[in-house]
Each structure stands twice: as structure tokens, then as C-alpha cells.
Amino acid sequence: MTAPPATRPRHAAARHPGPGEPPRPVRPVPDHPRLLAAALTATAGAIAAASLLGPLGLDLMRYRTSATTLNQLLGSDAAALLAVAPLALAAAVLALRRHPAAPLLATGIGGYALYTYAQVVIGQEYLRLPGNVERFFPLLLTIFLLAEALVVLGWRSIPARLPAPSARLERAASLALLAVAVFLVFGQHLRPMLLAWQDPARLTEYASSPTPFWMVKLMDLGIVVPAAVAAGVGLLRAPRGRAGWRTRCSPATPASASPWRPWRW
């Protein structure tokens, strides 16, 4: 009786191509254009609804915050309604057309929404100032969950190989990210933080709304600044031609550099 031919184990590690062998095809990236487009469309609708229900529109959702912070929230709602929601709809159309920019836009929009609406929910002065924003928590939670879905779907759908930017553009982007980090630390947060430690009464925004004051400090200095530094240093140090654009950029970068943050302390 002849022995059966040896078979390769199913879970054996993939062998790298040897000299002279053709390169193995790159594993295709999971592609869910309809699901991504649906998530983008739902996010656009939910963001627009939250903006219109607030003081910018129907004034049914009233924030529990001071007049100083309310002005900043009005600006954030206007940016969300006039810029972010239309951008999400445009990204949904691009996703249906399988445009490679759609996953990148979805990831950025998701990061923006996570950052912004976490602050909208957590940064209220509950039980201290009048308002009813807590009644709209299901809507704000829906936006947050949709944002999580956008980050996951967008990041998983980014093509494994994207056209590499020029060396000049890479250097400009890295320096811009590092400049954003330096500005947030020394130009925006350090002085108010020192004043809050020494004489809190001198800061109107702190005395009126201390909760968003420290929340923004935590999110900017604990999330945005480290992400910007990591992405900026990664772009400067990554060898060209060795890694795709996807491996050199953080998915949080588009949202980190967003100017439409609800509070600017």
C-alpha cells in the first residue's frame, strides 16, 4: 500500500516569496460600500437633527451650561449642520461609487463625532444649571454609536495601498501636526490651567462651567496632543517606499485637527 501524499497543514504560516518568485497578491481589504454609505447617511441625519433641535434651531434641546459655553456650542452646532453633515452625505455618495476617499472621510467624520458628542454629553452642568439636554440622550448616544461604526468601517475599508504623498507634502503634514500639538499645550491650555490652579475666580469660563473646562483639558492633552505627536513623528521617521500611507497615519488625525470643537479652553 502506498503512503498518501503529504499535505500542507491548513493553518501553516504563509511562506515569503523567494528570489525570483513573483510577489504574492495582497489580501483584499474588507469592502462594505453600502453599509458604509448607510452609516454615513444616518450620521448626517442624526447630526443635523441634534443641531436643529438645539438652540440653533427649534430650541427644544436646551443645554445645561453657562452663557459663555453656550455661544461655543452654538458655533459647534452650526459647523456640524453646515459642514459636517453635508460632508458625511458627500462621503456616502463616494462610498457607493467605491471611491478610495470615502473610507478616509468616514474615519475622520467618525473621530470628529466621537470627540464632539462625548463633550456634549459629559460637559453639561447637570443639577446645577437649568436645561433638559438629558432628555435627548438617546439621540446623542445614537450619534456616538454611529461614529464608532464609522471609525471601524472606514478604517477597515481603507485600501491597503494608497498613493504615497510627496516628501514635501509628508514633511509639511508632519510639521503641521506637531505645530497643532505645541499650540494646544502652550498656546491654549497651559495658561488657563495655571490660572485655574492659582486663582479660579479670574477665569470666567472656569467659574461658570468647570466641568467642560477640565474635560477639554483631559481630551486635548490626553488624546489629541499624543495622537498629533505620534502621527507627526511617524510621518517624519517612516522610510519612504517601505510602508503604505495607511500604516503611517493615525485614524484620529482628521478629527484631531478639526477646528469644530465645542469648547476651546
Protein backbone atom coordinates (compact mmCIF):
# COMPACT_ATOMS: atom_id res chain seq x y z
CA MET A 1 0.00 0.00 0.00
CA THR A 2 1.37 3.36 -1.00
CA ALA A 3 1.51 6.17 1.57
CA PRO A 4 -0.82 9.13 0.94
CA PRO A 5 0.90 12.24 -0.35
CA ALA A 6 1.93 14.75 2.28
CA THR A 7 -0.42 17.69 2.55
CA ARG A 8 0.31 21.15 3.84
CA PRO A 9 -1.35 21.94 7.18
CA ARG A 10 -4.30 24.28 6.77
CA HIS A 11 -3.01 26.78 9.28
CA ALA A 12 0.63 26.73 8.22
CA ALA A 13 2.31 30.10 8.13
CA ALA A 14 2.45 31.78 4.74
CA ARG A 15 5.85 31.44 3.08
CA HIS A 16 7.50 34.60 1.81
CA PRO A 17 8.32 34.50 -1.90
CA GLY A 18 11.88 33.53 -2.59
CA PRO A 19 14.31 35.18 -5.00
CA GLY A 20 12.91 35.25 -8.50
CA GLU A 21 9.40 34.26 -7.41
CA PRO A 22 6.51 36.62 -8.20
CA PRO A 23 5.11 38.51 -5.19
CA ARG A 24 2.01 37.08 -3.62
CA PRO A 25 -1.18 39.11 -4.13
CA VAL A 26 -2.12 41.46 -1.31
CA ARG A 27 -5.07 40.27 0.75
CA PRO A 28 -8.11 42.32 -0.27
CA VAL A 29 -9.37 44.85 2.24
CA PRO A 30 -12.93 44.21 3.52
CA ASP A 31 -15.24 46.34 1.38
CA HIS A 32 -18.75 47.20 2.52
CA PRO A 33 -19.71 50.26 0.45
CA ARG A 34 -23.45 50.06 1.06
CA LEU A 35 -23.05 49.58 4.80
CA LEU A 36 -20.55 52.43 4.97
CA ALA A 37 -22.85 54.68 2.92
CA ALA A 38 -25.80 53.83 5.17
CA ALA A 39 -23.80 54.64 8.30
CA LEU A 40 -22.64 57.94 6.81
CA THR A 41 -26.18 58.90 5.81
CA ALA A 42 -27.57 58.02 9.23
CA THR A 43 -24.80 60.00 10.92
CA ALA A 44 -25.51 63.04 8.76
CA GLY A 45 -29.21 62.87 9.62
CA ALA A 46 -28.61 62.43 13.34
CA ILE A 47 -26.08 65.28 13.49
CA ALA A 48 -28.43 67.59 11.58
CA ALA A 49 -31.32 66.63 13.87
CA ALA A 50 -29.29 67.35 17.01
CA SER A 51 -28.25 70.75 15.65
CA LEU A 52 -31.78 71.72 14.63
CA LEU A 53 -33.33 70.56 17.90
CA GLY A 54 -30.90 72.67 19.91
CA PRO A 55 -30.78 76.44 20.47
CA LEU A 56 -29.55 76.94 16.91
CA GLY A 57 -32.93 75.81 15.55
CA LEU A 58 -36.10 74.83 17.38
CA ASP A 59 -34.63 75.30 20.88
CA LEU A 60 -36.24 72.11 22.12
CA MET A 61 -32.97 70.73 23.45
CA ARG A 62 -31.57 73.19 26.00
CA TYR A 63 -28.00 72.73 27.18
CA ARG A 64 -27.21 72.88 30.89
CA THR A 65 -24.29 75.25 30.62
CA SER A 66 -23.28 78.87 31.06
CA ALA A 67 -23.81 81.66 28.54
CA THR A 68 -20.10 81.61 27.65
CA THR A 69 -20.12 77.92 26.84
CA LEU A 70 -23.50 78.18 25.10
CA ASN A 71 -22.01 80.51 22.49
CA GLN A 72 -19.32 77.95 21.75
CA LEU A 73 -21.91 75.18 21.49
CA LEU A 74 -23.91 77.29 19.04
CA GLY A 75 -20.82 77.60 16.85
CA SER A 76 -20.23 73.86 17.09
CA ASP A 77 -23.84 73.11 16.12
CA ALA A 78 -23.61 75.47 13.14
CA ALA A 79 -20.42 73.81 11.92
CA ALA A 80 -21.96 70.36 12.36
CA LEU A 81 -25.10 71.34 10.43
CA LEU A 82 -23.47 73.32 7.62
CA ALA A 83 -20.20 71.44 7.16
CA VAL A 84 -20.04 68.01 8.81
CA ALA A 85 -23.48 66.71 7.84
CA PRO A 86 -23.11 67.69 4.14
CA LEU A 87 -19.61 66.21 4.13
CA ALA A 88 -20.99 62.94 5.51
CA LEU A 89 -23.61 62.84 2.73
CA ALA A 90 -20.94 63.51 0.11
CA ALA A 91 -18.81 60.72 1.60
CA ALA A 92 -21.84 58.39 1.42
CA VAL A 93 -22.13 59.06 -2.33
CA LEU A 94 -18.41 58.41 -2.74
CA ALA A 95 -18.75 55.17 -0.79
CA LEU A 96 -21.46 53.92 -3.14
CA ARG A 97 -19.13 54.72 -6.04
CA ARG A 98 -16.29 52.87 -4.27
CA HIS A 99 -14.12 55.96 -4.27
CA PRO A 100 -10.95 55.43 -2.17
CA ALA A 101 -11.51 58.75 -0.38
CA ALA A 102 -14.78 57.57 1.19
CA PRO A 103 -13.21 55.40 3.95
CA LEU A 104 -10.79 58.18 4.86
CA LEU A 105 -13.62 60.71 5.14
CA ALA A 106 -15.74 58.28 7.13
CA THR A 107 -12.93 57.68 9.60
CA GLY A 108 -12.38 61.40 10.08
CA ILE A 109 -16.09 62.16 10.47
CA GLY A 110 -16.42 59.34 12.99
CA GLY A 111 -13.49 60.62 15.03
CA TYR A 112 -14.91 64.14 14.98
CA ALA A 113 -18.32 62.94 16.16
CA LEU A 114 -16.82 60.82 18.95
CA TYR A 115 -14.79 63.75 20.22
CA THR A 116 -17.57 66.32 19.91
CA TYR A 117 -20.60 64.48 21.23
CA ALA A 118 -18.73 62.93 24.13
CA GLN A 119 -18.14 66.50 25.25
CA VAL A 120 -21.77 67.47 24.61
CA VAL A 121 -22.98 64.67 26.89
CA ILE A 122 -20.33 64.76 29.62
CA GLY A 123 -19.67 68.50 29.68
CA GLN A 124 -23.06 69.64 30.99
CA GLU A 125 -23.60 71.14 34.44
CA TYR A 126 -26.31 68.66 35.45
CA LEU A 127 -28.36 69.51 38.57
CA ARG A 128 -26.66 72.91 38.77
CA LEU A 129 -27.89 74.85 35.71
CA PRO A 130 -31.32 74.73 34.03
CA GLY A 131 -31.89 72.75 30.85
CA ASN A 132 -33.20 69.46 29.51
CA VAL A 133 -30.37 68.02 27.41
CA GLU A 134 -30.56 64.73 29.30
CA ARG A 135 -33.94 64.02 27.67
CA PHE A 136 -32.19 63.88 24.31
CA PHE A 137 -29.56 61.41 25.49
CA PRO A 138 -30.89 58.65 23.17
CA LEU A 139 -30.25 60.89 20.15
CA LEU A 140 -26.76 61.84 21.33
CA LEU A 141 -26.00 58.20 22.13
CA THR A 142 -27.13 57.23 18.62
CA ILE A 143 -24.67 59.72 17.13
CA PHE A 144 -21.91 58.31 19.32
CA LEU A 145 -22.64 54.72 18.29
CA LEU A 146 -22.82 55.67 14.62
CA ALA A 147 -19.48 57.45 15.00
CA GLU A 148 -17.94 54.28 16.41
CA ALA A 149 -19.30 52.34 13.44
CA LEU A 150 -17.84 54.89 11.01
CA VAL A 151 -14.39 54.62 12.55
CA VAL A 152 -14.42 50.82 12.37
CA LEU A 153 -15.98 50.52 8.90
CA GLY A 154 -13.90 53.34 7.47
CA TRP A 155 -10.60 52.10 8.84
CA ARG A 156 -11.22 48.53 7.70
CA SER A 157 -12.17 49.72 4.21
CA ILE A 158 -9.11 51.87 3.60
CA PRO A 159 -7.17 50.34 0.70
CA ALA A 160 -4.02 48.53 1.76
CA ARG A 161 -2.01 50.56 -0.73
CA LEU A 162 -2.68 54.23 -1.33
CA PRO A 163 -0.65 56.61 -3.47
CA ALA A 164 2.20 57.85 -1.30
CA PRO A 165 2.35 61.64 -0.94
CA SER A 166 5.42 63.55 -1.98
CA ALA A 167 8.24 64.03 0.50
CA ARG A 168 7.46 67.76 0.70
CA LEU A 169 3.79 67.12 1.48
CA GLU A 170 4.65 64.49 4.08
CA ARG A 171 7.05 66.86 5.80
CA ALA A 172 4.52 69.71 5.72
CA ALA A 173 1.82 67.47 7.19
CA SER A 174 4.10 66.23 9.96
CA LEU A 175 5.21 69.75 10.89
CA ALA A 176 1.59 70.93 10.87
CA LEU A 177 0.59 68.13 13.25
CA LEU A 178 3.47 68.92 15.59
CA ALA A 179 2.58 72.62 15.43
CA VAL A 180 -1.01 71.79 16.42
CA ALA A 181 0.28 69.82 19.42
CA VAL A 182 2.57 72.67 20.53
CA PHE A 183 -0.22 75.22 20.11
CA LEU A 184 -2.69 73.18 22.15
CA VAL A 185 -0.23 72.72 25.01
CA PHE A 186 1.41 76.14 25.21
CA GLY A 187 -0.95 78.43 23.32
CA GLN A 188 -4.32 77.26 24.53
CA HIS A 189 -4.27 75.10 27.64
CA LEU A 190 -1.20 75.83 29.77
CA ARG A 191 -2.02 79.40 30.84
CA PRO A 192 -5.72 78.77 31.72
CA MET A 193 -4.72 75.64 33.61
CA LEU A 194 -2.16 77.55 35.69
CA LEU A 195 -4.71 80.29 36.40
CA ALA A 196 -7.26 77.69 37.46
CA TRP A 197 -4.76 76.34 39.97
CA GLN A 198 -3.78 79.75 41.34
CA ASP A 199 -6.94 81.91 41.17
CA PRO A 200 -10.01 80.18 39.69
CA ALA A 201 -12.22 83.25 40.14
CA ARG A 202 -10.21 85.13 37.49
CA LEU A 203 -11.38 82.73 34.76
CA THR A 204 -14.98 83.41 33.79
CA GLU A 205 -15.26 80.23 31.77
CA TYR A 206 -13.92 78.14 34.64
CA ALA A 207 -16.05 79.77 37.34
CA SER A 208 -19.21 79.40 35.24
CA SER A 209 -18.64 75.91 33.77
CA PRO A 210 -15.83 73.97 35.46
CA THR A 211 -16.94 70.57 34.11
CA PRO A 212 -16.26 71.24 30.40
CA PHE A 213 -13.14 73.19 31.34
CA TRP A 214 -11.35 70.12 32.77
CA MET A 215 -12.98 67.70 30.34
CA VAL A 216 -11.50 69.52 27.35
CA LYS A 217 -8.12 69.67 29.08
CA LEU A 218 -8.23 65.91 29.54
CA MET A 219 -9.32 65.10 25.98
CA ASP A 220 -6.98 67.53 24.26
CA LEU A 221 -3.88 66.86 26.35
CA GLY A 222 -4.60 63.16 26.80
CA ILE A 223 -5.86 62.23 23.32
CA VAL A 224 -5.42 64.93 20.68
CA VAL A 225 -1.89 66.02 21.54
CA PRO A 226 -0.42 62.47 21.82
CA ALA A 227 -2.17 61.45 18.57
CA ALA A 228 -0.86 64.51 16.73
CA VAL A 229 2.69 63.96 18.03
CA ALA A 230 2.64 60.25 17.19
CA ALA A 231 1.33 60.88 13.67
CA GLY A 232 3.73 63.77 13.06
CA VAL A 233 6.79 61.89 14.27
CA GLY A 234 5.68 58.79 12.36
CA LEU A 235 5.47 60.74 9.11
CA LEU A 236 8.93 62.20 9.67
CA ARG A 237 10.62 58.90 10.54
CA ALA A 238 8.84 56.42 8.25
CA PRO A 239 11.12 55.32 5.39
CA ARG A 240 9.60 56.15 2.03
CA GLY A 241 8.63 53.16 -0.07
CA ARG A 242 8.68 50.78 2.91
CA ALA A 243 5.13 51.29 4.18
CA GLY A 244 1.87 52.47 2.75
CA TRP A 245 0.19 55.70 3.76
CA ARG A 246 -2.28 53.75 5.85
CA THR A 247 0.37 52.44 8.21
CA ARG A 248 1.88 55.87 8.79
CA CYS A 249 -1.23 57.82 9.72
CA SER A 250 -3.49 57.61 12.72
CA PRO A 251 -7.25 57.36 12.12
CA ALA A 252 -7.75 60.01 14.77
CA THR A 253 -5.70 62.58 12.90
CA PRO A 254 -8.50 64.14 10.81
CA ALA A 255 -10.64 64.70 13.86
CA SER A 256 -7.71 65.81 15.98
CA ALA A 257 -7.03 68.71 13.69
CA SER A 258 -10.70 69.66 13.38
CA PRO A 259 -11.46 73.32 14.22
CA TRP A 260 -15.08 72.50 15.14
CA ARG A 261 -14.58 71.52 18.74
CA PRO A 262 -17.47 72.52 21.03
CA TRP A 263 -15.27 74.07 23.73
CA ARG A 264 -11.96 75.85 23.16
CA TRP A 265 -10.43 76.20 26.64
